[in-house]
Amino acid sequence: GVVHEILTVQPKLDCTQDDVMFDIWQSSKDTKISVPHLQMLSKSVFRVCRHSPSGPPTYEVKTLREALMSEHWETHWKPACIKELEGLERRGVWDTIHRSQVPKGASIIPSRLVFKIKVDADNVFDKCKARLVFRGDRAVHERDYFDTSSHMMSSMSLKILLSLSTGEWGNAVEQAINNGATREEALELCECFKVHTVDISQAYVVADWPVGAPALFMELPSLDPSRARNMYCAAMRRMLYGIPSSGRVWEKHLDAFLRKDCNARPMVGDRSVYKMLFYRGSDGSLRKTPETKGDRSVASVMCGTFVDDIGFWGTTDEAVSMFRNEFYNKFGKDGVTGGGVASTMLGMKISYDDEELSSLMSMPGYIDAIVARFEKFP
């Protein structure tokens, strides 16, 4: 197991108003602890040993040292760390060099592994994840980075995107039924109108190192409990989470891809929402550009970007498939997850009612977590 130290807070008996310890003591109706005992306990340090359970971890470790001491290190946290580090090395994010090879005068910026327990929209355990981040708080402006501003789709734009797709979906289903299709056939035919999602894995590392950007060197974590410091460090070749300018570089990279490869155009109200028009060529194939000046579009796709999450819907299955394949061609099938109808996006649960031809956006997992949090202190 792993040992945790718990420090209690000394109560302010001279002013009990808004005092946390006094409120907890007062709310415990059946406690036999007196006020003097409470004062004595507040000066104590409790050591709690957690024994290795058979199930997944129920709490997130905060540091690598805590993860190394955790009962879930071998089963959950270590595999997550190895997957993250090997994935970044495989993508050529850095060149591993000995510390003695770092140029004189250059700083080696610390890194940090951030640990997260991923749950689904119903707050059920999914997996443990480790993310290696660059300690951007230790970087110096105009020495290690320059501009940092970036843009992403607003929550209002996401709601509008879902509302538009639901309205078009319901209208298309009713038209298909009026044209003689059964309800099941109409629902299958109009699946393209529902919001789909794709997620770019380790998105920031996809973008190339900007021309003119300063050289950066980063500490590499040591997964060996007997060695606190790694003798090697990373000479950065691609962007990484935590580098202050990485969000801006990724946004420009994704925007250039959507504009050039997909012929998408951003909306005036929100530049992270795009629209693509598709045309029918003389050979019958679907095209992203018209063959002649008078060609009219036959299909369209709307999409919104939120960092590495892209939500989209289209007016035909062919257009949706063509748009999705552009991501596979650009980032590879291993670098893109999802692609089907969205069940969750940005932590929100999305569901469609085939009977009422309506959609619902909710956050049951977040609500359950808030309720559980406040149930501890009735």
Protein backbone atom coordinates (compact mmCIF):
# COMPACT_ATOMS: atom_id res chain seq x y z
CA GLY A 1 0.00 0.00 0.00
CA VAL A 2 0.89 3.67 0.08
CA VAL A 3 1.01 5.92 3.16
CA HIS A 4 -0.64 9.34 3.12
CA GLU A 5 -0.15 12.04 5.74
CA ILE A 6 -3.27 13.96 6.74
CA LEU A 7 -2.92 17.30 8.50
CA THR A 8 -5.96 18.77 10.23
CA VAL A 9 -6.75 22.45 10.59
CA GLN A 10 -6.80 24.02 14.03
CA PRO A 11 -10.26 25.45 14.84
CA LYS A 12 -10.70 29.14 15.62
CA LEU A 13 -12.70 28.88 18.83
CA ASP A 14 -12.59 32.61 19.45
CA CYS A 15 -14.49 33.18 16.18
CA THR A 16 -16.41 30.09 15.08
CA GLN A 17 -18.24 31.83 12.24
CA ASP A 18 -17.21 30.41 8.83
CA ASP A 19 -14.71 28.08 10.52
CA VAL A 20 -14.40 24.79 8.60
CA MET A 21 -13.31 22.60 11.51
CA PHE A 22 -16.02 23.91 13.84
CA ASP A 23 -18.70 23.42 11.15
CA ILE A 24 -17.61 19.81 10.58
CA TRP A 25 -17.60 19.13 14.32
CA GLN A 26 -21.02 20.73 14.79
CA SER A 27 -22.55 18.85 11.84
CA SER A 28 -21.47 15.49 13.38
CA LYS A 29 -24.45 15.05 15.71
CA ASP A 30 -23.38 11.75 17.26
CA THR A 31 -19.71 12.60 17.84
CA LYS A 32 -18.26 12.13 21.30
CA ILE A 33 -15.32 14.48 20.68
CA SER A 34 -15.32 17.53 22.92
CA VAL A 35 -13.95 20.94 21.99
CA PRO A 36 -10.68 20.40 23.94
CA HIS A 37 -10.23 17.04 22.19
CA LEU A 38 -10.79 18.76 18.86
CA GLN A 39 -8.04 21.25 19.70
CA MET A 40 -5.67 18.44 20.59
CA LEU A 41 -6.43 16.43 17.43
CA SER A 42 -5.90 19.48 15.28
CA LYS A 43 -2.22 19.46 16.23
CA SER A 44 -1.78 15.80 15.23
CA VAL A 45 -0.58 14.19 12.01
CA PHE A 46 -2.49 11.10 10.89
CA ARG A 47 -0.89 8.43 8.74
CA VAL A 48 -3.35 6.46 6.63
CA CYS A 49 -2.24 3.35 4.72
CA ARG A 50 -4.24 2.47 1.63
CA HIS A 51 -3.98 -1.22 0.70
CA SER A 52 -3.93 -2.34 -2.92
CA PRO A 53 -7.49 -2.86 -4.14
CA SER A 54 -8.40 -5.13 -7.03
CA GLY A 55 -10.31 -2.46 -8.95
CA PRO A 56 -9.20 0.72 -10.73
CA PRO A 57 -7.88 3.75 -8.81
CA THR A 58 -10.48 6.00 -7.24
CA TYR A 59 -8.26 9.05 -6.77
CA GLU A 60 -5.82 10.90 -9.02
CA VAL A 61 -2.18 11.13 -8.01
CA LYS A 62 -0.73 14.63 -8.22
CA THR A 63 2.97 14.00 -8.83
CA LEU A 64 5.24 11.33 -10.31
CA ARG A 65 6.63 10.58 -6.84
CA GLU A 66 3.11 9.94 -5.56
CA ALA A 67 2.39 7.74 -8.59
CA LEU A 68 5.57 5.70 -7.92
CA MET A 69 4.36 5.09 -4.36
CA SER A 70 0.81 4.31 -5.43
CA GLU A 71 -0.66 0.83 -5.18
CA HIS A 72 -1.80 1.26 -8.80
CA TRP A 73 1.65 2.13 -10.21
CA GLU A 74 2.34 -1.19 -11.94
CA THR A 75 -1.23 -1.83 -13.10
CA HIS A 76 -2.44 1.61 -14.19
CA TRP A 77 -0.10 4.62 -13.86
CA LYS A 78 3.13 3.08 -15.17
CA PRO A 79 1.54 1.73 -18.39
CA ALA A 80 -0.02 5.16 -18.94
CA CYS A 81 3.38 6.87 -18.51
CA ILE A 82 5.13 4.44 -20.86
CA LYS A 83 2.42 4.86 -23.50
CA GLU A 84 2.71 8.65 -23.33
CA LEU A 85 6.53 8.79 -23.51
CA GLU A 86 6.84 6.15 -26.24
CA GLY A 87 4.11 7.83 -28.28
CA LEU A 88 5.90 11.19 -28.13
CA GLU A 89 9.28 9.67 -29.02
CA ARG A 90 7.74 7.75 -31.92
CA ARG A 91 6.38 10.99 -33.32
CA GLY A 92 9.78 12.67 -33.17
CA VAL A 93 8.76 15.32 -30.64
CA TRP A 94 12.34 15.54 -29.34
CA ASP A 95 15.86 14.25 -29.81
CA THR A 96 17.25 12.62 -26.68
CA ILE A 97 20.66 14.06 -25.84
CA HIS A 98 23.02 13.86 -22.86
CA ARG A 99 22.90 16.80 -20.51
CA SER A 100 26.51 17.63 -21.39
CA GLN A 101 25.46 18.30 -25.01
CA VAL A 102 23.18 21.20 -24.09
CA PRO A 103 24.77 24.46 -25.36
CA LYS A 104 26.31 26.69 -22.73
CA GLY A 105 23.91 29.37 -21.54
CA ALA A 106 20.80 27.39 -22.55
CA SER A 107 18.28 26.52 -19.86
CA ILE A 108 16.81 23.05 -19.41
CA ILE A 109 13.15 23.65 -18.63
CA PRO A 110 11.51 21.17 -16.21
CA SER A 111 8.70 18.88 -17.33
CA ARG A 112 5.85 17.30 -15.44
CA LEU A 113 3.64 14.25 -15.81
CA VAL A 114 -0.01 15.09 -15.23
CA PHE A 115 -2.24 12.17 -14.25
CA LYS A 116 -5.93 11.90 -14.97
CA ILE A 117 -8.63 9.29 -14.44
CA LYS A 118 -10.86 9.37 -17.52
CA VAL A 119 -14.55 8.66 -17.04
CA ASP A 120 -17.41 8.56 -19.51
CA ALA A 121 -20.44 10.85 -19.53
CA ASP A 122 -22.07 8.67 -16.84
CA ASN A 123 -19.05 9.05 -14.52
CA VAL A 124 -17.96 5.41 -15.01
CA PHE A 125 -14.21 4.61 -15.02
CA ASP A 126 -12.71 4.43 -18.51
CA LYS A 127 -8.91 4.51 -18.22
CA CYS A 128 -5.91 6.12 -16.55
CA LYS A 129 -4.05 8.68 -18.60
CA ALA A 130 -0.69 10.39 -18.19
CA ARG A 131 0.22 13.56 -20.07
CA LEU A 132 3.77 14.89 -20.28
CA VAL A 133 3.73 18.67 -20.20
CA PHE A 134 6.39 21.30 -20.59
CA ARG A 135 6.69 23.57 -17.52
CA GLY A 136 5.69 26.72 -19.37
CA ASP A 137 5.60 28.64 -16.10
CA ARG A 138 9.39 28.33 -16.00
CA ALA A 139 9.82 29.65 -19.55
CA VAL A 140 10.74 33.28 -20.18
CA HIS A 141 8.80 35.46 -22.63
CA GLU A 142 10.81 36.56 -25.70
CA ARG A 143 13.55 34.10 -24.76
CA ASP A 144 11.69 30.78 -24.92
CA TYR A 145 8.46 31.82 -26.70
CA PHE A 146 6.70 34.75 -28.37
CA ASP A 147 2.94 34.98 -29.18
CA THR A 148 0.53 32.71 -27.28
CA SER A 149 -3.06 33.72 -28.16
CA SER A 150 -5.32 31.11 -29.78
CA HIS A 151 -9.04 30.62 -30.49
CA MET A 152 -11.55 27.82 -30.07
CA MET A 153 -15.25 27.24 -30.63
CA SER A 154 -17.47 28.78 -27.94
CA SER A 155 -20.06 26.77 -26.01
CA MET A 156 -22.79 28.82 -27.69
CA SER A 157 -21.46 27.84 -31.12
CA LEU A 158 -21.56 24.17 -30.11
CA LYS A 159 -25.19 24.50 -29.03
CA ILE A 160 -26.07 26.25 -32.30
CA LEU A 161 -24.24 23.54 -34.28
CA LEU A 162 -26.24 20.83 -32.49
CA SER A 163 -29.52 22.76 -32.94
CA LEU A 164 -28.95 23.22 -36.68
CA SER A 165 -28.05 19.56 -37.18
CA THR A 166 -31.12 18.41 -35.22
CA GLY A 167 -33.47 20.66 -37.21
CA GLU A 168 -32.05 19.53 -40.56
CA TRP A 169 -32.05 15.90 -39.41
CA GLY A 170 -35.73 15.98 -38.39
CA ASN A 171 -36.73 17.72 -41.63
CA ALA A 172 -34.77 15.21 -43.76
CA VAL A 173 -36.31 12.21 -41.96
CA GLU A 174 -39.83 13.53 -42.50
CA GLN A 175 -39.15 14.23 -46.19
CA ALA A 176 -37.75 10.72 -46.68
CA ILE A 177 -40.85 9.21 -45.07
CA ASN A 178 -43.09 11.36 -47.30
CA ASN A 179 -41.15 10.05 -50.32
CA GLY A 180 -42.07 6.46 -49.44
CA ALA A 181 -39.26 5.28 -47.14
CA THR A 182 -40.02 3.43 -43.94
CA ARG A 183 -39.11 5.15 -40.68
CA GLU A 184 -36.16 2.80 -40.12
CA GLU A 185 -34.88 3.43 -43.66
CA ALA A 186 -35.31 7.20 -43.25
CA LEU A 187 -33.41 7.24 -39.96
CA GLU A 188 -30.53 5.25 -41.46
CA LEU A 189 -30.48 7.41 -44.58
CA CYS A 190 -30.33 10.66 -42.57
CA GLU A 191 -27.66 9.57 -40.06
CA CYS A 192 -25.24 12.05 -41.66
CA PHE A 193 -27.19 15.00 -40.21
CA LYS A 194 -26.31 14.00 -36.65
CA VAL A 195 -23.21 15.54 -35.09
CA HIS A 196 -20.11 13.36 -35.55
CA THR A 197 -16.78 13.82 -33.78
CA VAL A 198 -13.12 13.10 -34.43
CA ASP A 199 -10.31 13.58 -31.93
CA ILE A 200 -6.70 14.18 -32.94
CA SER A 201 -4.41 12.16 -30.69
CA GLN A 202 -1.59 14.20 -29.12
CA ALA A 203 -2.61 17.07 -31.36
CA TYR A 204 -0.01 19.62 -30.30
CA VAL A 205 2.90 17.39 -31.32
CA VAL A 206 1.54 17.14 -34.88
CA ALA A 207 2.37 20.76 -35.69
CA ASP A 208 5.85 21.45 -37.03
CA TRP A 209 8.30 23.58 -35.07
CA PRO A 210 7.69 27.20 -36.17
CA VAL A 211 10.33 28.91 -38.27
CA GLY A 212 12.29 31.35 -36.12
CA ALA A 213 11.16 29.87 -32.81
CA PRO A 214 13.89 29.64 -30.12
CA ALA A 215 15.52 26.27 -29.36
CA LEU A 216 14.12 24.61 -26.22
CA PHE A 217 15.53 21.89 -23.98
CA MET A 218 13.38 19.95 -21.51
CA GLU A 219 13.97 17.63 -18.57
CA LEU A 220 12.81 14.03 -19.13
CA PRO A 221 11.09 12.22 -16.24
CA SER A 222 12.71 9.16 -14.65
CA LEU A 223 10.37 6.20 -14.15
CA ASP A 224 13.02 4.42 -12.09
CA PRO A 225 12.20 4.82 -8.37
CA SER A 226 15.90 4.50 -7.49
CA ARG A 227 16.95 7.42 -9.72
CA ALA A 228 15.40 10.82 -9.15
CA ARG A 229 17.06 12.53 -12.11
CA ASN A 230 17.37 11.49 -15.74
CA MET A 231 20.88 11.90 -17.19
CA TYR A 232 19.37 12.70 -20.59
CA CYS A 233 17.17 15.58 -21.68
CA ALA A 234 15.05 16.46 -24.71
CA ALA A 235 16.01 18.81 -27.53
CA MET A 236 12.53 19.82 -28.70
CA ARG A 237 11.65 19.28 -32.38
CA ARG A 238 7.85 19.62 -32.18
CA MET A 239 5.33 21.40 -29.99
CA LEU A 240 4.24 19.88 -26.68
CA TYR A 241 1.50 20.60 -24.15
CA GLY A 242 2.69 23.31 -21.78
CA ILE A 243 4.86 25.22 -24.23
CA PRO A 244 3.18 28.64 -24.08
CA SER A 245 2.97 29.04 -27.87
CA SER A 246 1.82 25.46 -28.61
CA GLY A 247 -1.92 26.28 -28.64
CA ARG A 248 -1.41 29.06 -31.15
CA VAL A 249 0.82 26.90 -33.37
CA TRP A 250 -1.74 24.04 -33.36
CA GLU A 251 -4.63 26.39 -34.15
CA LYS A 252 -2.74 27.75 -37.18
CA HIS A 253 -1.85 24.23 -38.29
CA LEU A 254 -5.47 23.02 -38.07
CA ASP A 255 -6.80 26.17 -39.72
CA ALA A 256 -4.36 25.77 -42.64
CA PHE A 257 -5.41 22.12 -43.06
CA LEU A 258 -9.14 22.93 -43.09
CA ARG A 259 -8.70 25.81 -45.53
CA LYS A 260 -6.28 24.16 -47.97
CA ASP A 261 -7.08 20.45 -47.81
CA CYS A 262 -10.83 20.69 -47.13
CA ASN A 263 -11.55 24.03 -48.85
CA ALA A 264 -13.37 25.12 -45.66
CA ARG A 265 -14.25 28.72 -44.88
CA PRO A 266 -14.59 30.09 -41.32
CA MET A 267 -17.77 31.77 -40.18
CA VAL A 268 -17.78 35.49 -39.38
CA GLY A 269 -19.37 35.06 -35.94
CA ASP A 270 -16.91 32.38 -34.80
CA ARG A 271 -13.76 31.68 -36.76
CA SER A 272 -13.48 28.20 -35.21
CA VAL A 273 -16.69 27.16 -37.00
CA TYR A 274 -16.27 26.26 -40.68
CA LYS A 275 -18.47 25.45 -43.66
CA MET A 276 -17.50 23.29 -46.64
CA LEU A 277 -19.35 23.05 -49.96
CA PHE A 278 -19.12 20.03 -52.27
CA TYR A 279 -19.75 19.83 -56.01
CA ARG A 280 -20.55 17.06 -58.46
CA GLY A 281 -17.89 16.56 -61.15
CA SER A 282 -18.51 15.61 -64.76
CA ASP A 283 -17.44 12.04 -63.94
CA GLY A 284 -20.04 11.83 -61.16
CA SER A 285 -17.55 12.06 -58.27
CA LEU A 286 -17.87 14.48 -55.38
CA ARG A 287 -15.44 17.39 -55.49
CA LYS A 288 -14.37 20.08 -53.02
CA THR A 289 -14.09 22.72 -55.76
CA PRO A 290 -16.35 23.46 -58.75
CA GLU A 291 -15.20 22.38 -62.22
CA THR A 292 -16.77 25.39 -63.88
CA LYS A 293 -17.80 28.79 -62.63
CA GLY A 294 -21.52 28.03 -62.84
CA ASP A 295 -21.45 24.78 -60.83
CA ARG A 296 -23.76 24.71 -57.82
CA SER A 297 -23.02 22.87 -54.61
CA VAL A 298 -24.79 19.56 -54.01
CA ALA A 299 -23.79 18.97 -50.37
CA SER A 300 -22.26 20.76 -47.41
CA VAL A 301 -20.54 20.03 -44.10
CA MET A 302 -20.48 22.22 -40.99
CA CYS A 303 -17.76 21.71 -38.39
CA GLY A 304 -16.54 23.31 -35.17
CA THR A 305 -13.10 22.93 -33.60
CA PHE A 306 -12.27 22.91 -29.90
CA VAL A 307 -8.50 22.38 -29.66
CA ASP A 308 -8.19 18.72 -30.79
CA ASP A 309 -11.92 17.87 -30.79
CA ILE A 310 -13.77 18.43 -34.06
CA GLY A 311 -17.56 18.13 -34.28
CA PHE A 312 -19.23 18.05 -37.70
CA TRP A 313 -22.37 17.11 -39.61
CA GLY A 314 -23.26 17.07 -43.30
CA THR A 315 -26.15 16.88 -45.71
CA THR A 316 -25.07 13.57 -47.36
CA ASP A 317 -23.20 10.46 -46.22
CA GLU A 318 -20.78 10.92 -49.12
CA ALA A 319 -19.82 14.43 -47.97
CA VAL A 320 -19.38 13.32 -44.35
CA SER A 321 -17.21 10.37 -45.41
CA MET A 322 -15.09 12.59 -47.66
CA PHE A 323 -14.53 15.11 -44.87
CA ARG A 324 -13.66 12.37 -42.36
CA ASN A 325 -11.23 10.74 -44.80
CA GLU A 326 -9.34 14.03 -45.11
CA PHE A 327 -8.43 13.69 -41.42
CA TYR A 328 -7.33 10.08 -41.90
CA ASN A 329 -5.16 11.08 -44.85
CA LYS A 330 -3.61 14.00 -42.95
CA PHE A 331 -3.08 12.56 -39.47
CA GLY A 332 -3.25 8.81 -40.14
CA LYS A 333 -5.87 6.37 -38.86
CA ASP A 334 -3.79 5.75 -35.73
CA GLY A 335 -3.71 9.50 -35.06
CA VAL A 336 -7.48 9.99 -35.23
CA THR A 337 -10.08 8.49 -32.92
CA GLY A 338 -13.85 8.56 -33.26
CA GLY A 339 -15.49 9.46 -36.53
CA GLY A 340 -18.98 8.22 -35.73
CA VAL A 341 -22.05 9.89 -34.27
CA ALA A 342 -21.11 11.82 -31.15
CA SER A 343 -22.12 10.41 -27.77
CA THR A 344 -20.03 12.95 -25.85
CA MET A 345 -18.22 16.16 -26.73
CA LEU A 346 -16.35 18.55 -24.45
CA GLY A 347 -17.51 16.51 -21.45
CA MET A 348 -21.18 16.86 -22.40
CA LYS A 349 -23.43 13.93 -23.26
CA ILE A 350 -25.24 14.15 -26.60
CA SER A 351 -28.23 11.91 -27.30
CA TYR A 352 -30.80 11.76 -30.08
CA ASP A 353 -34.43 10.68 -29.74
CA ASP A 354 -35.45 8.84 -32.93
CA GLU A 355 -39.12 8.95 -31.95
CA GLU A 356 -39.38 12.67 -31.20
CA LEU A 357 -36.65 13.62 -33.74
CA SER A 358 -34.97 15.73 -31.06
CA SER A 359 -31.59 15.92 -29.34
CA LEU A 360 -30.47 16.43 -25.75
CA MET A 361 -27.23 17.83 -24.39
CA SER A 362 -26.57 17.10 -20.71
CA MET A 363 -23.81 16.58 -18.14
CA PRO A 364 -25.01 13.75 -15.82
CA GLY A 365 -21.48 12.77 -14.78
CA TYR A 366 -20.63 16.34 -13.72
CA ILE A 367 -23.93 16.68 -11.84
CA ASP A 368 -23.35 13.38 -10.01
CA ALA A 369 -19.84 14.49 -9.04
CA ILE A 370 -21.14 17.80 -7.66
CA VAL A 371 -23.92 16.06 -5.72
CA ALA A 372 -21.46 13.53 -4.26
CA ARG A 373 -19.14 16.37 -3.28
CA PHE A 374 -21.79 18.27 -1.34
CA GLU A 375 -23.38 15.18 0.17
CA LYS A 376 -20.26 14.87 2.32
CA PHE A 377 -21.16 18.12 4.08
CA PRO A 378 -24.96 18.23 4.49
